[in-house]
Protein backbone atom coordinates (compact mmCIF):
# COMPACT_ATOMS: atom_id res chain seq x y z
CA MET A 1 33.69 130.94 -32.65
CA ARG A 2 34.97 127.55 -31.58
CA PRO A 3 34.55 128.21 -27.80
CA PHE A 4 30.91 129.13 -28.37
CA ARG A 5 30.33 125.89 -30.25
CA HIS A 6 31.76 123.99 -27.28
CA PHE A 7 29.51 125.98 -24.99
CA ARG A 8 26.40 125.14 -26.99
CA ALA A 9 27.39 121.47 -27.13
CA LEU A 10 27.82 121.38 -23.36
CA LEU A 11 24.41 123.00 -22.83
CA LEU A 12 22.80 120.46 -25.13
CA GLY A 13 24.47 117.59 -23.27
CA ALA A 14 23.39 119.02 -19.92
CA ALA A 15 19.79 119.29 -21.14
CA VAL A 16 19.79 115.68 -22.34
CA LEU A 17 21.22 114.49 -19.01
CA ALA A 18 18.64 116.48 -17.05
CA ALA A 19 15.83 115.02 -19.13
CA SER A 20 17.17 111.51 -18.58
CA LEU A 21 17.33 112.01 -14.82
CA GLY A 22 13.86 113.52 -14.75
CA LEU A 23 12.38 110.56 -16.59
CA ALA A 24 14.28 107.94 -14.61
CA GLY A 25 13.34 109.37 -11.20
CA PRO A 26 9.52 109.09 -11.33
CA ALA A 27 9.75 105.77 -13.15
CA ALA A 28 11.61 104.16 -10.25
CA ALA A 29 8.89 102.14 -8.56
CA HIS A 30 8.68 101.47 -4.86
CA ASP A 31 9.07 97.97 -3.47
CA ALA A 32 6.08 95.69 -3.95
CA ALA A 33 4.62 92.52 -2.46
CA GLU A 34 5.09 89.51 -4.72
CA SER A 35 3.21 86.80 -2.80
CA SER A 36 1.71 85.88 0.54
CA SER A 37 1.30 82.77 2.67
CA PRO A 38 -1.50 81.79 2.82
CA ALA A 39 -2.26 83.01 -0.69
CA GLN A 40 -4.85 85.68 -1.35
CA GLY A 41 -8.31 84.08 -1.01
CA ALA A 42 -6.90 80.66 -0.09
CA SER A 43 -8.72 78.09 2.04
CA VAL A 44 -6.61 76.30 4.66
CA PRO A 45 -7.57 73.38 6.93
CA VAL A 46 -6.92 75.30 10.18
CA PRO A 47 -5.54 78.74 11.03
CA PRO A 48 -1.79 78.71 10.33
CA GLY A 49 0.89 79.27 12.92
CA LYS A 50 2.07 82.33 11.04
CA VAL A 51 1.39 84.42 7.97
CA SER A 52 3.99 86.02 5.71
CA VAL A 53 4.42 88.44 2.81
CA THR A 54 7.25 88.16 0.29
CA PHE A 55 8.56 91.36 -1.34
CA ASN A 56 10.73 92.04 -4.38
CA ASN A 57 13.28 93.78 -2.11
CA LYS A 58 14.21 93.49 1.56
CA PRO A 59 12.07 95.83 3.72
CA LEU A 60 13.68 97.95 6.40
CA GLY A 61 13.55 96.53 9.90
CA ILE A 62 11.59 99.47 11.33
CA GLY A 63 7.91 100.35 11.37
CA ALA A 64 6.68 96.93 10.22
CA SER A 65 3.28 95.70 11.38
CA ILE A 66 1.01 92.81 10.41
CA SER A 67 -2.52 92.52 11.77
CA VAL A 68 -4.46 89.25 11.53
CA LYS A 69 -8.14 89.51 12.44
CA ASP A 70 -10.90 86.93 12.29
CA ALA A 71 -14.44 87.55 11.04
CA ALA A 72 -15.46 88.87 14.46
CA GLY A 73 -12.64 91.42 14.47
CA ALA A 74 -10.50 89.68 17.10
CA GLU A 75 -6.75 90.16 16.71
CA TRP A 76 -4.65 86.97 16.44
CA ALA A 77 -1.22 88.42 15.70
CA ASP A 78 1.25 87.44 18.42
CA GLY A 79 4.52 89.30 18.93
CA ALA A 80 6.58 91.44 16.59
CA VAL A 81 6.99 91.13 12.85
CA GLU A 82 10.02 89.09 11.82
CA ILE A 83 11.88 90.12 8.65
CA VAL A 84 14.29 87.65 7.10
CA ASP A 85 15.73 88.66 3.74
CA ASN A 86 12.71 89.83 1.72
CA VAL A 87 10.05 87.99 3.75
CA ALA A 88 8.04 89.60 6.58
CA SER A 89 6.35 87.06 8.90
CA GLN A 90 3.90 87.34 11.78
CA LYS A 91 3.18 84.58 14.32
CA LEU A 92 -0.42 83.89 15.32
CA ARG A 93 -1.82 83.01 18.73
CA PRO A 94 -2.97 79.39 18.98
CA GLY A 95 -6.64 78.45 19.08
CA GLY A 96 -7.94 80.54 16.18
CA PRO A 97 -11.54 79.89 15.11
CA ALA A 98 -12.77 78.65 11.76
CA GLY A 99 -13.85 81.22 9.21
CA GLY A 100 -12.41 84.14 7.33
CA TYR A 101 -9.31 86.10 8.29
CA THR A 102 -8.08 89.47 7.06
CA VAL A 103 -4.37 90.24 7.08
CA ALA A 104 -3.33 93.91 6.90
CA TRP A 105 0.39 94.51 6.54
CA ARG A 106 2.55 97.59 6.53
CA VAL A 107 6.34 97.82 6.07
CA VAL A 108 8.92 100.45 5.25
CA SER A 109 10.36 99.61 1.86
CA SER A 110 14.05 99.70 1.00
CA ASP A 111 13.69 103.26 -0.36
CA SER A 112 12.33 104.47 3.05
CA HIS A 113 8.72 104.76 1.85
CA PRO A 114 5.93 102.98 3.77
CA ILE A 115 3.88 100.55 1.71
CA GLU A 116 0.86 98.59 2.85
CA GLY A 117 -1.75 96.12 1.66
CA THR A 118 -4.22 93.42 2.67
CA PHE A 119 -5.11 89.85 1.81
CA THR A 120 -7.64 87.33 3.10
CA PHE A 121 -7.85 83.59 3.70
CA THR A 122 -10.35 81.16 5.20
CA ALA A 123 -9.78 78.41 7.77
CA ALA A 124 -12.08 75.39 7.28
CA ALA A 125 -11.84 74.34 10.94
CA ALA A 126 -10.78 75.83 14.24
CA ALA A 127 -7.29 75.23 15.54
CA GLU A 128 -6.82 72.68 18.32
CA GLY A 129 -5.15 75.02 20.76
CA ALA A 130 -1.40 75.29 21.13
CA GLY A 131 -0.74 71.84 19.69
CA GLY A 132 -2.97 72.23 16.66
CA ALA A 133 -2.04 75.71 15.57
CA ALA A 134 1.18 74.68 13.91
CA THR A 135 2.21 75.61 10.41
CA GLY A 136 0.27 72.89 8.62
CA GLY A 137 -2.39 75.23 7.29
CA ALA A 138 0.01 77.58 5.61
CA SER A 139 2.13 74.84 4.07
CA THR A 140 -0.80 73.20 2.26
CA THR A 141 -1.39 76.25 0.11
CA PRO A 142 1.44 77.78 -1.94
CA GLY A 143 1.99 81.50 -1.77
CA GLY A 144 0.14 83.43 -4.43
CA ALA A 145 0.17 86.85 -5.96
CA VAL A 146 -1.25 89.70 -3.94
CA PRO A 147 -3.10 91.95 -6.42
CA GLY A 148 -2.44 95.57 -5.65
CA ALA A 149 -0.87 94.74 -2.30
CA GLY A 150 2.45 96.29 -3.25
CA THR A 151 1.09 99.69 -4.21
CA ALA A 152 3.04 102.33 -2.35
CA GLN A 153 0.78 104.40 -0.14
CA PRO A 154 1.49 106.95 2.56
CA GLY A 155 1.18 105.21 5.93
CA ALA A 156 -0.80 106.50 8.86
CA THR A 157 2.45 107.17 10.69
CA ALA A 158 5.29 107.95 8.30
CA PRO A 159 8.95 107.51 9.25
CA ALA A 160 10.72 110.26 11.14
CA GLU A 161 12.43 111.65 8.05
CA PRO A 162 10.34 113.25 5.27
CA ALA A 163 9.04 110.81 2.70
CA SER A 164 10.80 112.69 -0.09
CA SER A 165 14.18 112.00 1.48
CA GLY A 166 13.93 108.38 0.42
CA GLN A 167 13.84 109.15 -3.31
CA PRO A 168 17.27 108.33 -4.74
CA PHE A 169 16.80 110.31 -7.95
CA GLN A 170 16.73 113.63 -6.09
CA TRP A 171 20.33 113.10 -5.02
CA SER A 172 21.19 112.39 -8.65
CA ILE A 173 19.68 115.71 -9.67
CA VAL A 174 21.68 117.55 -6.99
CA ILE A 175 24.90 115.87 -8.13
CA PHE A 176 24.09 116.63 -11.75
CA ALA A 177 23.43 120.30 -10.94
CA VAL A 178 26.78 120.65 -9.14
CA VAL A 179 28.67 118.97 -11.99
CA ALA A 180 26.85 121.01 -14.63
CA VAL A 181 27.59 124.32 -12.88
CA GLY A 182 31.24 123.34 -12.52
CA LEU A 183 31.51 122.47 -16.21
CA LEU A 184 29.81 125.71 -17.25
CA VAL A 185 32.17 127.77 -15.10
CA ALA A 186 35.22 125.91 -16.42
CA LEU A 187 34.10 126.36 -20.03
CA ALA A 188 33.38 130.04 -19.49
CA VAL A 189 36.86 130.59 -18.07
CA LEU A 190 38.41 128.63 -20.94
CA ALA A 191 36.44 130.59 -23.53
CA ARG A 192 37.45 133.90 -21.96
CA ARG A 193 41.11 132.89 -21.97
CA ARG A 194 40.95 131.88 -25.60
CA LEU A 195 39.23 135.11 -26.59
CA SER A 196 41.70 137.16 -24.58
CA GLY A 197 44.65 135.28 -25.99
CA GLY A 198 43.35 135.65 -29.54
CA GLY A 199 42.91 139.39 -29.10
CA ASP A 200 46.35 139.92 -27.62
CA GLU A 201 48.25 137.99 -30.26
CA GLU A 202 50.00 140.09 -32.89
CA PRO A 203 51.02 138.85 -36.32
CA ASP A 204 54.64 137.86 -36.69
CA SER A 205 56.63 140.63 -38.39
CA GLU A 206 59.19 138.21 -39.65
């Protein structure tokens, strides 16, 4: 009976491990935006030379985009997004007008899922061309929280690989399944040998 007790104990342990992996997988959150510069809803003297979003992890260097539009819908983003550590920055063209701006960002998080969000700011005065559109506006207002900006959402154009391939917990489940099957097979063989050995043994005549 002892081999069967070991077998039941192993099954119970496997079930507990599977439940733990199942709970840990969905609970693993995607990367999120922690702050922006300018801050959400901030008022700056003139349009800044660049805008940026700070994340809790370093985004991947592919598929990043940041759009900066004024109240009339004109695009002021200039060049490609620059990612340094966990900060994604976008330069702006000089000469931006006064008024409200809407920043829409999209990056591929460290777990290969696209995340996106928006924030707004207002420039009190127009920039003075190339010389006046420096970084003064952004530096006068500290970065602030971006409510909801870090919510993971499917992007309009997802990465080449399927979105599910970026979920680390699925690999854990595969590894667990392989280990569990190997343990079950090993225990079954051991139990069979013990049963066979117990049946073949004869009492000592001496």
